[in-house]
Amino acid sequence: MGLNRLFPMTLLNCLLICVTLWSTQEVFAKSSRRPNIVLILTDDLDIAIGGLSPLVKTKKLIGDAGISFTNAFVASPLCCPSRASILTGKYPHNHHVINNTLEGNCSSKVWQKSEEAHTFPALLKTYAGYQTFFAGKYLNQYGHSEAGGLEHIPPGWNYWVGLEKNSKYYNYTLSVNGKPEQHGADYSKDYLTDVLANRSLDFLQYKSSYQPFFMMVSIPAPHSPWTPAPQYQNSFNTTKAPRHPNFNVHGKDKHWLIRQAKTPMTNSSVQFLDEAFRKRWRTLLSVDDLVEKIVKSLEVRAELDNTYIFFTSDNGYHTGQFSLPLDKRQLYEFDIKVPLMVRGPNIKPNQTSQMLVANVDLGPTVLDIAGYNVNKTQMDGMSFLPVMEGKLNSSSWRTDILVEYEGEGSTVSDPACPLLGPGVSECFPDCVCEDSYNNTYACVRTVGHSANLQYCEFDDNEVFVEVYNVTADPYQLTNIAKTIDQEVLEKMNHRLMMLQSCSGQSCRTPGVYDARYKFDPRQMFPSHSWRLNRLRQKMK
């Protein structure tokens, strides 16, 4: 009788113990789950000329739900070098991708051997235990026969849907886990932005639930050829490119490439850029739909609260600024500043930060979120996770970043523009060119309590210098290189040379307007002293 009475009690106790242990483990598992991470990367999306305006849902679902950075910049205002900086966390002088060609190291065999294995997705997959998914444009020469073709899957990706070469909307080829998949011109099954949205939703549905995931969706929009989805082809019919103070004006005190632009622009040029502006906005409406689908899918799966979502671009863009018709590549805010919005755990909604961040910081930040020690890497950037979580104030954050660009030009004259001679490229029918060999520059972009400054030097025969007080002159109309204090000029010159030779931790040392900065003229670079002497002569 006693045994019979004991058995049910023992069974009940065991059940209670099991339920308690299971509940404890479940609570611990939920509290200790590593977060998921989504990076949505657009192509040529500006912020300076209104690029976020069509993205109403994106701003609500990511920006309003988290933090928006008003001083986010790229390390280089061109697709492939910028994307290489995102993946590696390095400045161009360290990852050695200088333009969009194979010869410029864009997705080349050299890049694959030297950098691809050390990108942040590779570290996430190998060392942090993340399942990884990529869909969209990777690097401009991806899929080239001389770079492994579409069979090449960069290390770090469990699921790979890579676009062959540059952005398109129809008639393209995808590498789906190393196998080519042809697409035509049927909107219902081929429009690339929608295809990427659907592949992303498929991944979210079929991925493992026992591992955290990283998903990178790299969208073609709003890159040319600016092909909108049919339902949006009549949107923004009365919209024009913004007529800011730097629109259709002569860059009289700027580098010769800017001065060669014809001012005022012809009516046909203005009409062309206005139409391009409208088309860009139309393509972004499909991006807005993609963002909404991904966020809603995460919400339905009860994964949204444990997921960081980043939204940004590889570079900015211009439409008529300083009478340059259409492109990127220039040192001005419209080309180097990009949108950056992030939502996620421990990020309070409706935040705006003026702290200076760069795309070299994206990799370190993602690794920090994943719990990987960024100091184990050779990355030049730094994690801004503490900034997003409100654990860091501006006095202990960096005050400057480096921007680098190497110009391109043709070795022969354009027959349509013989007076320009060789050395230029990206020329329009009215012989206004957007690039040249000596459009090669490096800039220190400073944002601090006492300064909002841009200092740039060109690698040309005259060591041309451009300096802008962006607070007083947000449209960069007046180059103050000849009027700025000589001591500031020397300090900025020194700082620029330090950043151009930096690597890893040395890229994160205090800038000129940081209270911790120490300037010792005796430590000037001997091999670059001629540059400073030339500067002094020019400024007299």
Protein backbone atom coordinates (compact mmCIF):
# COMPACT_ATOMS: atom_id res chain seq x y z
CA MET A 1 0.00 0.00 0.00
CA GLY A 2 2.79 2.39 0.91
CA LEU A 3 4.65 1.44 -2.28
CA ASN A 4 1.53 2.08 -4.35
CA ARG A 5 1.13 5.47 -2.76
CA LEU A 6 4.83 6.27 -3.22
CA PHE A 7 4.92 5.50 -6.96
CA PRO A 8 2.49 8.20 -8.07
CA MET A 9 4.27 10.77 -5.91
CA THR A 10 7.65 9.75 -7.35
CA LEU A 11 6.26 10.01 -10.89
CA LEU A 12 4.77 13.40 -10.09
CA ASN A 13 8.05 14.64 -8.63
CA CYS A 14 9.93 13.44 -11.68
CA LEU A 15 7.49 15.19 -13.96
CA LEU A 16 7.78 18.40 -11.95
CA ILE A 17 11.59 18.20 -12.03
CA CYS A 18 11.60 17.57 -15.79
CA VAL A 19 9.19 20.41 -16.48
CA THR A 20 11.25 22.74 -14.28
CA LEU A 21 14.51 21.76 -15.99
CA TRP A 22 12.94 22.08 -19.44
CA SER A 23 11.49 25.51 -18.60
CA THR A 24 14.81 26.68 -17.19
CA GLN A 25 16.68 25.50 -20.27
CA GLU A 26 14.09 27.10 -22.53
CA VAL A 27 14.34 30.44 -20.72
CA PHE A 28 18.14 30.26 -20.78
CA ALA A 29 18.14 29.36 -24.46
CA LYS A 30 15.88 32.31 -25.28
CA SER A 31 17.87 34.73 -23.18
CA SER A 32 21.20 33.56 -24.55
CA ARG A 33 20.21 33.17 -28.22
CA ARG A 34 22.64 34.97 -30.44
CA PRO A 35 20.89 37.52 -32.62
CA ASN A 36 20.23 37.17 -36.32
CA ILE A 37 21.58 39.82 -38.70
CA VAL A 38 20.24 41.14 -42.00
CA LEU A 39 22.17 43.57 -44.23
CA ILE A 40 20.21 45.18 -47.07
CA LEU A 41 22.59 46.91 -49.47
CA THR A 42 21.34 49.20 -52.24
CA ASP A 43 23.35 50.29 -55.28
CA ASP A 44 24.06 54.03 -55.82
CA LEU A 45 21.48 55.22 -53.29
CA ASP A 46 22.19 58.79 -52.18
CA ILE A 47 20.95 60.62 -49.13
CA ALA A 48 22.06 64.16 -50.00
CA ILE A 49 19.64 64.61 -52.92
CA GLY A 50 16.58 62.91 -51.47
CA GLY A 51 17.23 59.23 -52.13
CA LEU A 52 15.28 58.11 -49.08
CA SER A 53 12.10 59.98 -50.06
CA PRO A 54 10.43 57.07 -51.94
CA LEU A 55 11.30 54.59 -49.17
CA VAL A 56 8.39 55.38 -46.89
CA LYS A 57 7.95 51.85 -45.52
CA THR A 58 11.69 51.33 -45.10
CA LYS A 59 12.03 54.50 -43.03
CA LYS A 60 9.12 53.41 -40.84
CA LEU A 61 10.12 49.76 -40.42
CA ILE A 62 13.87 50.30 -39.91
CA GLY A 63 14.65 53.97 -39.29
CA ASP A 64 11.73 54.78 -36.99
CA ALA A 65 12.10 51.41 -35.27
CA GLY A 66 15.77 52.00 -34.55
CA ILE A 67 18.58 54.45 -35.25
CA SER A 68 19.44 56.61 -38.28
CA PHE A 69 22.99 57.86 -38.80
CA THR A 70 23.27 61.32 -40.37
CA ASN A 71 27.06 61.11 -40.87
CA ALA A 72 27.57 57.76 -42.59
CA PHE A 73 30.22 57.70 -45.31
CA VAL A 74 31.89 55.29 -47.71
CA ALA A 75 35.60 54.64 -47.99
CA SER A 76 35.40 55.11 -51.76
CA PRO A 77 32.53 56.48 -53.91
CA LEU A 78 32.55 53.63 -56.43
CA CYS A 79 30.80 50.26 -56.38
CA CYS A 80 33.55 47.63 -56.26
CA PRO A 81 36.07 49.40 -53.97
CA SER A 82 33.23 50.33 -51.62
CA ARG A 83 31.78 46.82 -51.54
CA ALA A 84 35.24 45.42 -50.90
CA SER A 85 35.50 47.81 -47.93
CA ILE A 86 32.17 46.57 -46.59
CA LEU A 87 33.19 42.92 -46.85
CA THR A 88 36.71 43.30 -45.49
CA GLY A 89 36.33 46.21 -43.07
CA LYS A 90 39.38 47.75 -44.76
CA TYR A 91 40.21 50.95 -46.59
CA PRO A 92 41.02 50.59 -50.31
CA HIS A 93 44.77 51.01 -49.74
CA ASN A 94 44.62 47.81 -47.68
CA HIS A 95 42.26 45.63 -49.75
CA HIS A 96 43.74 46.94 -53.04
CA VAL A 97 40.48 47.06 -55.02
CA ILE A 98 40.80 50.36 -56.86
CA ASN A 99 38.04 50.31 -59.50
CA ASN A 100 35.35 48.18 -61.15
CA THR A 101 37.67 46.23 -63.48
CA LEU A 102 39.50 42.93 -63.12
CA GLU A 103 42.74 44.85 -63.58
CA GLY A 104 41.64 47.04 -60.69
CA ASN A 105 41.37 43.88 -58.54
CA CYS A 106 37.56 43.73 -58.61
CA SER A 107 36.70 40.08 -57.84
CA SER A 108 40.04 39.08 -59.36
CA LYS A 109 41.98 35.92 -58.57
CA VAL A 110 44.30 38.05 -56.45
CA TRP A 111 41.33 39.39 -54.44
CA GLN A 112 40.03 35.85 -54.00
CA LYS A 113 43.34 34.58 -52.68
CA SER A 114 44.23 37.53 -50.47
CA GLU A 115 40.94 38.87 -49.07
CA GLU A 116 37.89 36.66 -49.61
CA ALA A 117 38.71 34.15 -46.89
CA HIS A 118 38.96 36.98 -44.35
CA THR A 119 35.71 38.80 -45.05
CA PHE A 120 33.31 39.17 -42.16
CA PRO A 121 30.77 36.64 -43.62
CA ALA A 122 33.57 34.05 -43.78
CA LEU A 123 34.42 34.71 -40.13
CA LEU A 124 30.73 34.53 -39.17
CA LYS A 125 30.34 31.14 -40.82
CA THR A 126 33.67 29.60 -39.79
CA TYR A 127 34.15 30.88 -36.26
CA ALA A 128 30.82 32.24 -35.03
CA GLY A 129 28.59 29.37 -36.17
CA TYR A 130 26.22 31.45 -38.30
CA GLN A 131 24.34 30.10 -41.30
CA THR A 132 24.81 32.61 -44.10
CA PHE A 133 22.81 33.64 -47.16
CA PHE A 134 23.72 36.02 -49.99
CA ALA A 135 21.48 37.24 -52.81
CA GLY A 136 22.18 39.90 -55.43
CA LYS A 137 25.08 41.94 -56.74
CA TYR A 138 28.40 40.96 -55.16
CA LEU A 139 31.34 42.61 -56.94
CA ASN A 140 31.13 44.08 -60.44
CA GLN A 141 33.32 41.42 -62.06
CA TYR A 142 31.86 38.43 -60.22
CA GLY A 143 31.26 35.58 -62.66
CA HIS A 144 33.97 36.67 -65.11
CA SER A 145 35.58 33.70 -66.84
CA GLU A 146 39.01 34.88 -65.72
CA ALA A 147 37.87 34.98 -62.09
CA GLY A 148 36.43 31.50 -61.71
CA GLY A 149 33.16 32.06 -63.53
CA LEU A 150 29.77 31.47 -61.94
CA GLU A 151 31.04 28.24 -60.37
CA HIS A 152 33.03 30.29 -57.87
CA ILE A 153 31.26 30.63 -54.54
CA PRO A 154 33.12 33.03 -52.25
CA PRO A 155 34.02 31.49 -48.89
CA GLY A 156 31.63 32.26 -46.09
CA TRP A 157 28.29 31.51 -47.72
CA ASN A 158 26.04 28.49 -47.06
CA TYR A 159 23.50 29.68 -49.60
CA TRP A 160 24.62 31.70 -52.60
CA VAL A 161 22.53 33.56 -55.20
CA GLY A 162 25.07 35.84 -56.89
CA LEU A 163 24.40 38.14 -59.85
CA GLU A 164 26.80 37.85 -62.76
CA LYS A 165 28.69 41.16 -63.01
CA ASN A 166 26.86 44.49 -62.71
CA SER A 167 23.33 45.54 -61.80
CA LYS A 168 20.46 44.69 -64.12
CA TYR A 169 16.74 44.24 -63.68
CA TYR A 170 16.00 41.83 -66.56
CA ASN A 171 17.99 39.48 -68.82
CA TYR A 172 20.67 38.45 -66.36
CA THR A 173 22.28 35.29 -64.99
CA LEU A 174 22.45 34.21 -61.37
CA SER A 175 24.87 31.77 -59.80
CA VAL A 176 22.68 29.64 -57.55
CA ASN A 177 25.12 27.77 -55.36
CA GLY A 178 27.57 27.69 -58.26
CA LYS A 179 25.12 26.75 -61.03
CA PRO A 180 23.98 29.29 -63.66
CA GLU A 181 20.33 30.29 -63.73
CA GLN A 182 19.19 32.36 -66.71
CA HIS A 183 16.50 35.00 -66.41
CA GLY A 184 14.61 36.82 -69.16
CA ALA A 185 12.23 39.78 -69.30
CA ASP A 186 9.03 38.42 -67.76
CA TYR A 187 8.15 40.66 -64.81
CA SER A 188 6.29 37.94 -62.90
CA LYS A 189 9.38 35.73 -62.62
CA ASP A 190 12.43 37.77 -63.67
CA TYR A 191 12.38 41.27 -62.15
CA LEU A 192 15.55 41.09 -60.09
CA THR A 193 14.49 43.07 -57.02
CA ASP A 194 11.43 40.82 -56.63
CA VAL A 195 13.47 37.67 -57.32
CA LEU A 196 15.86 38.66 -54.50
CA ALA A 197 12.90 39.30 -52.19
CA ASN A 198 11.43 35.87 -52.93
CA ARG A 199 14.76 34.07 -52.51
CA SER A 200 15.22 35.84 -49.17
CA LEU A 201 11.78 34.72 -47.99
CA ASP A 202 12.58 31.16 -49.08
CA PHE A 203 15.75 31.23 -46.99
CA LEU A 204 13.88 32.48 -43.95
CA GLN A 205 11.35 29.68 -44.35
CA TYR A 206 13.74 26.77 -44.91
CA LYS A 207 16.82 27.71 -42.87
CA SER A 208 17.75 25.87 -39.70
CA SER A 209 16.03 27.10 -36.55
CA TYR A 210 18.94 25.94 -34.39
CA GLN A 211 21.57 28.39 -35.65
CA PRO A 212 21.60 32.17 -35.86
CA PHE A 213 21.67 33.47 -39.40
CA PHE A 214 23.25 36.28 -41.39
CA MET A 215 21.47 37.36 -44.56
CA MET A 216 22.87 39.87 -47.06
CA VAL A 217 20.52 41.11 -49.76
CA SER A 218 22.31 43.25 -52.34
CA ILE A 219 19.75 45.01 -54.52
CA PRO A 220 20.39 46.48 -58.01
CA ALA A 221 18.29 49.60 -57.40
CA PRO A 222 18.63 52.47 -57.96
CA HIS A 223 21.61 51.74 -60.26
CA SER A 224 21.24 52.22 -64.01
CA PRO A 225 19.53 51.14 -66.25
CA TRP A 226 16.83 52.31 -63.79
CA THR A 227 14.15 49.88 -64.96
CA PRO A 228 11.06 50.14 -62.73
CA ALA A 229 8.49 47.44 -62.10
CA PRO A 230 5.48 47.92 -64.41
CA GLN A 231 3.16 48.98 -61.59
CA TYR A 232 5.52 51.85 -60.75
CA GLN A 233 6.51 53.07 -64.21
CA ASN A 234 4.24 56.13 -64.01
CA SER A 235 5.12 57.16 -60.47
CA PHE A 236 6.75 60.53 -59.73
CA ASN A 237 5.88 61.90 -63.16
CA THR A 238 6.27 65.51 -62.06
CA THR A 239 9.33 64.98 -59.85
CA LYS A 240 12.59 66.72 -60.74
CA ALA A 241 16.11 66.46 -59.41
CA PRO A 242 16.46 68.88 -56.48
CA ARG A 243 17.67 72.39 -57.34
CA HIS A 244 20.01 72.81 -54.39
CA PRO A 245 22.47 75.74 -54.38
CA ASN A 246 25.16 73.51 -55.97
CA PHE A 247 22.87 72.45 -58.84
CA ASN A 248 23.93 73.59 -62.31
CA VAL A 249 26.62 75.96 -61.03
CA HIS A 250 30.26 76.21 -62.00
CA GLY A 251 32.81 74.69 -59.61
CA LYS A 252 35.11 77.65 -60.05
CA ASP A 253 37.59 76.86 -57.25
CA LYS A 254 37.61 73.08 -57.63
CA HIS A 255 39.75 70.46 -59.33
CA TRP A 256 40.02 70.91 -63.10
CA LEU A 257 37.71 67.94 -63.76
CA ILE A 258 34.88 69.77 -62.01
CA ARG A 259 35.76 73.07 -63.69
CA GLN A 260 35.53 71.51 -67.17
CA ALA A 261 31.78 70.92 -66.78
CA LYS A 262 29.73 73.25 -68.97
CA THR A 263 27.62 75.77 -67.05
CA PRO A 264 24.75 76.25 -67.48
CA MET A 265 23.91 72.76 -68.67
CA THR A 266 21.99 72.38 -71.90
CA ASN A 267 18.22 71.94 -71.67
CA SER A 268 18.59 68.42 -73.06
CA SER A 269 21.09 67.53 -70.31
CA VAL A 270 18.75 68.85 -67.59
CA GLN A 271 15.80 66.96 -69.09
CA PHE A 272 17.90 63.78 -69.24
CA LEU A 273 19.01 63.98 -65.62
CA ASP A 274 15.49 64.81 -64.42
CA GLU A 275 14.15 61.73 -66.18
CA ALA A 276 16.97 59.60 -64.73
CA PHE A 277 16.12 60.97 -61.28
CA ARG A 278 12.48 59.92 -61.68
CA LYS A 279 13.47 56.44 -62.89
CA ARG A 280 15.79 55.98 -59.91
CA TRP A 281 12.97 56.78 -57.51
CA ARG A 282 10.61 54.39 -59.34
CA THR A 283 13.03 51.46 -58.91
CA LEU A 284 13.19 52.22 -55.18
CA LEU A 285 9.48 51.50 -54.72
CA SER A 286 10.24 47.80 -55.30
CA VAL A 287 13.05 48.06 -52.74
CA ASP A 288 10.49 49.41 -50.28
CA ASP A 289 8.31 46.37 -50.98
CA LEU A 290 11.28 44.03 -50.45
CA VAL A 291 12.07 45.54 -47.06
CA GLU A 292 8.45 45.24 -45.98
CA LYS A 293 8.30 41.57 -47.01
CA ILE A 294 11.47 40.67 -45.11
CA VAL A 295 10.42 42.52 -41.95
CA LYS A 296 6.91 41.00 -42.04
CA SER A 297 8.33 37.50 -42.57
CA LEU A 298 10.61 37.89 -39.57
CA GLU A 299 7.68 39.17 -37.54
CA VAL A 300 5.43 36.25 -38.51
CA ARG A 301 8.20 33.82 -37.58
CA ALA A 302 8.64 35.55 -34.18
CA GLU A 303 12.26 36.35 -35.10
CA LEU A 304 12.05 40.11 -35.59
CA ASP A 305 12.80 41.05 -31.98
CA ASN A 306 16.03 39.05 -32.09
CA THR A 307 17.23 40.36 -35.47
CA TYR A 308 19.38 43.34 -36.37
CA ILE A 309 18.47 44.84 -39.75
CA PHE A 310 20.92 47.21 -41.47
CA PHE A 311 19.93 49.30 -44.48
CA THR A 312 22.57 51.24 -46.44
CA SER A 313 24.20 51.86 -49.84
CA ASP A 314 27.59 51.34 -51.49
CA ASN A 315 27.92 55.03 -52.49
CA GLY A 316 25.93 58.18 -53.11
CA TYR A 317 25.09 59.85 -56.42
CA HIS A 318 24.76 63.20 -58.16
CA THR A 319 22.35 64.63 -60.73
CA GLY A 320 23.48 68.06 -61.90
CA GLN A 321 25.56 69.15 -58.92
CA PHE A 322 28.38 71.46 -60.13
CA SER A 323 26.94 70.86 -63.62
CA LEU A 324 28.04 67.21 -63.63
CA PRO A 325 25.16 65.31 -65.26
CA LEU A 326 25.02 61.84 -63.63
CA ASP A 327 27.46 59.64 -61.73
CA LYS A 328 29.32 59.15 -58.45
CA ARG A 329 33.18 59.08 -58.01
CA GLN A 330 33.57 62.63 -56.68
CA LEU A 331 34.74 63.70 -53.21
CA TYR A 332 31.64 65.73 -52.33
CA GLU A 333 28.93 64.88 -49.81
CA PHE A 334 26.43 63.83 -52.46
CA ASP A 335 28.75 60.99 -53.58
CA ILE A 336 30.42 59.88 -50.33
CA LYS A 337 27.54 60.16 -47.83
CA VAL A 338 25.04 57.30 -47.68
CA PRO A 339 21.91 56.32 -45.76
CA LEU A 340 22.43 54.05 -42.75
CA MET A 341 19.52 52.85 -40.63
CA VAL A 342 19.61 49.98 -38.13
CA ARG A 343 17.01 48.32 -35.91
CA GLY A 344 17.55 45.45 -33.50
CA PRO A 345 17.72 44.23 -29.90
CA ASN A 346 18.69 46.93 -27.38
CA ILE A 347 18.35 49.70 -29.98
CA LYS A 348 15.76 52.19 -28.87
CA PRO A 349 13.37 53.44 -31.58
CA ASN A 350 13.32 56.90 -33.15
CA GLN A 351 17.00 57.62 -32.57
CA THR A 352 19.20 59.85 -34.70
CA SER A 353 22.97 59.85 -34.32
CA GLN A 354 25.41 62.42 -35.67
CA MET A 355 28.43 60.28 -34.81
CA LEU A 356 30.80 59.58 -37.67
CA VAL A 357 30.58 56.06 -39.13
CA ALA A 358 31.92 54.53 -42.33
CA ASN A 359 31.24 51.41 -44.35
CA VAL A 360 34.52 49.92 -43.06
CA ASP A 361 32.66 49.75 -39.71
CA LEU A 362 29.89 47.45 -40.93
CA GLY A 363 31.98 44.26 -40.75
CA PRO A 364 33.36 44.96 -37.25
CA THR A 365 29.87 45.86 -36.03
CA VAL A 366 28.31 42.66 -37.37
CA LEU A 367 31.11 40.58 -35.85
CA ASP A 368 30.66 42.38 -32.53
CA ILE A 369 26.95 41.56 -32.58
CA ALA A 370 27.82 37.91 -33.24
CA GLY A 371 30.19 37.84 -30.27
CA TYR A 372 33.38 37.55 -32.33
CA ASN A 373 36.43 39.47 -31.09
CA VAL A 374 37.08 42.13 -33.74
CA ASN A 375 40.63 42.59 -32.42
CA LYS A 376 41.47 39.20 -33.89
CA THR A 377 40.98 40.65 -37.38
CA GLN A 378 43.02 43.07 -39.47
CA MET A 379 40.02 45.34 -40.05
CA ASP A 380 40.50 49.11 -40.18
CA GLY A 381 36.97 49.93 -39.04
CA MET A 382 35.43 49.79 -35.59
CA SER A 383 32.19 48.47 -34.14
CA PHE A 384 29.46 51.07 -33.64
CA LEU A 385 27.30 48.63 -31.65
CA PRO A 386 28.00 50.58 -28.41
CA VAL A 387 26.81 53.74 -30.18
CA MET A 388 23.54 52.08 -31.17
CA GLU A 389 22.99 50.76 -27.66
CA GLY A 390 23.69 54.16 -26.08
CA LYS A 391 26.75 52.92 -24.22
CA LEU A 392 29.20 55.37 -25.77
CA ASN A 393 29.21 59.15 -25.85
CA SER A 394 30.60 61.29 -28.63
CA SER A 395 33.69 62.38 -26.69
CA SER A 396 35.06 58.83 -26.77
CA TRP A 397 34.14 58.14 -30.40
CA ARG A 398 36.31 58.79 -33.46
CA THR A 399 36.36 62.17 -35.20
CA ASP A 400 37.63 61.33 -38.69
CA ILE A 401 37.66 58.73 -41.45
CA LEU A 402 39.51 58.30 -44.75
CA VAL A 403 38.02 58.49 -48.25
CA GLU A 404 40.12 57.27 -51.20
CA TYR A 405 39.52 57.17 -54.92
CA GLU A 406 41.74 56.30 -57.89
CA GLY A 407 40.65 57.96 -61.12
CA GLU A 408 40.31 56.24 -64.47
CA GLY A 409 40.89 57.55 -67.97
CA SER A 410 41.28 56.37 -71.53
CA THR A 411 44.73 56.21 -73.12
CA VAL A 412 43.36 57.71 -76.34
CA SER A 413 41.21 60.74 -77.10
CA ASP A 414 37.47 60.35 -77.53
CA PRO A 415 36.78 60.95 -81.27
CA ALA A 416 33.63 62.85 -80.31
CA CYS A 417 35.58 65.14 -77.97
CA PRO A 418 39.07 65.54 -79.46
CA LEU A 419 39.83 68.77 -77.58
CA LEU A 420 39.75 66.92 -74.25
CA GLY A 421 42.68 64.73 -75.21
CA PRO A 422 43.44 61.37 -73.57
CA GLY A 423 43.15 60.62 -69.88
CA VAL A 424 39.41 61.18 -69.35
CA SER A 425 36.46 58.78 -69.11
CA GLU A 426 32.71 58.60 -68.44
CA CYS A 427 32.10 61.40 -70.94
CA PHE A 428 28.65 62.58 -71.98
CA PRO A 429 27.64 63.63 -75.53
CA ASP A 430 28.25 67.30 -74.72
CA CYS A 431 31.87 66.38 -73.80
CA VAL A 432 31.48 66.75 -70.05
CA CYS A 433 33.49 63.99 -68.41
CA GLU A 434 32.92 62.49 -64.97
CA ASP A 435 36.38 60.95 -64.46
CA SER A 436 40.05 61.16 -65.38
CA TYR A 437 43.37 59.56 -64.49
CA ASN A 438 44.29 62.42 -62.19
CA ASN A 439 40.91 62.49 -60.49
CA THR A 440 42.81 60.50 -57.86
CA TYR A 441 42.39 61.87 -54.38
CA ALA A 442 42.33 61.12 -50.67
CA CYS A 443 40.31 62.97 -48.04
CA VAL A 444 40.06 63.23 -44.29
CA ARG A 445 36.38 63.64 -43.41
CA THR A 446 36.13 65.09 -39.91
CA VAL A 447 33.04 65.30 -37.70
CA GLY A 448 33.62 66.47 -34.13
CA HIS A 449 32.33 68.84 -31.48
CA SER A 450 34.29 71.76 -32.89
CA ALA A 451 34.61 70.88 -36.57
CA ASN A 452 32.70 69.51 -39.55
CA LEU A 453 35.48 69.59 -42.10
CA GLN A 454 36.59 67.92 -45.29
CA TYR A 455 40.24 68.06 -46.34
CA CYS A 456 41.26 66.52 -49.70
CA GLU A 457 44.45 66.26 -51.72
CA PHE A 458 44.69 65.20 -55.36
CA ASP A 459 47.51 63.04 -56.61
CA ASP A 460 48.31 65.23 -59.59
CA ASN A 461 51.12 67.52 -60.72
CA GLU A 462 49.89 70.47 -58.67
CA VAL A 463 48.82 68.53 -55.51
CA PHE A 464 45.48 70.32 -55.75
CA VAL A 465 43.77 70.78 -52.38
CA GLU A 466 40.11 71.22 -51.53
CA VAL A 467 38.90 72.07 -48.01
CA TYR A 468 35.30 72.65 -46.92
CA ASN A 469 33.68 73.81 -43.70
CA VAL A 470 30.58 71.67 -44.09
CA THR A 471 28.71 73.34 -41.23
CA ALA A 472 28.98 76.81 -42.76
CA ASP A 473 28.92 75.55 -46.34
CA PRO A 474 26.83 72.34 -46.55
CA TYR A 475 26.72 72.42 -50.35
CA GLN A 476 30.51 72.79 -50.59
CA LEU A 477 30.39 75.86 -52.79
CA THR A 478 33.55 77.51 -51.45
CA ASN A 479 36.96 75.86 -51.30
CA ILE A 480 38.72 77.43 -48.28
CA ALA A 481 42.11 75.81 -48.90
CA LYS A 482 43.81 79.18 -49.44
CA THR A 483 42.24 80.91 -46.45
CA ILE A 484 42.33 78.24 -43.77
CA ASP A 485 44.86 78.60 -40.95
CA GLN A 486 48.30 77.33 -41.97
CA GLU A 487 48.65 75.24 -38.81
CA VAL A 488 45.35 73.47 -39.50
CA LEU A 489 46.47 72.82 -43.05
CA GLU A 490 49.71 71.20 -41.89
CA LYS A 491 47.93 69.09 -39.29
CA MET A 492 45.37 67.87 -41.82
CA ASN A 493 48.11 67.10 -44.32
CA HIS A 494 49.91 65.07 -41.67
CA ARG A 495 46.74 63.30 -40.61
CA LEU A 496 45.91 62.40 -44.19
CA MET A 497 49.31 60.82 -44.73
CA MET A 498 48.93 58.84 -41.51
CA LEU A 499 45.55 57.50 -42.57
CA GLN A 500 46.77 56.67 -46.07
CA SER A 501 49.41 54.42 -44.54
CA CYS A 502 47.33 53.05 -41.65
CA SER A 503 46.34 49.45 -41.04
CA GLY A 504 44.06 47.98 -38.39
CA GLN A 505 44.36 49.73 -35.05
CA SER A 506 46.46 52.59 -36.44
CA CYS A 507 43.44 53.64 -38.55
CA ARG A 508 41.54 54.36 -35.35
CA THR A 509 43.96 56.77 -33.67
CA PRO A 510 42.70 60.22 -32.58
CA GLY A 511 42.08 62.75 -35.34
CA VAL A 512 43.06 66.43 -35.48
CA TYR A 513 39.88 67.60 -33.73
CA ASP A 514 39.97 64.89 -31.07
CA ALA A 515 41.01 66.11 -27.61
CA ARG A 516 43.45 63.19 -27.45
CA TYR A 517 45.26 64.20 -30.66
CA LYS A 518 48.95 65.07 -30.46
CA PHE A 519 50.73 66.75 -33.33
CA ASP A 520 54.51 66.56 -33.57
CA PRO A 521 55.91 68.21 -36.72
CA ARG A 522 59.13 66.27 -36.16
CA GLN A 523 57.22 63.12 -37.01
CA MET A 524 56.30 64.33 -40.47
CA PHE A 525 56.82 61.69 -43.11
CA PRO A 526 60.23 62.39 -44.72
CA SER A 527 59.23 60.77 -47.99
CA HIS A 528 56.21 63.07 -48.23
CA SER A 529 57.86 66.32 -47.16
CA TRP A 530 57.76 67.55 -50.75
CA ARG A 531 53.97 67.47 -50.59
CA LEU A 532 53.90 69.76 -47.59
CA ASN A 533 56.38 72.15 -49.23
CA ARG A 534 54.23 72.24 -52.35
CA LEU A 535 51.18 72.95 -50.20
CA ARG A 536 52.92 75.81 -48.42
CA GLN A 537 53.92 77.33 -51.77
CA LYS A 538 50.37 77.01 -53.13
CA MET A 539 48.78 78.64 -50.10
CA LYS A 540 51.01 81.72 -50.13
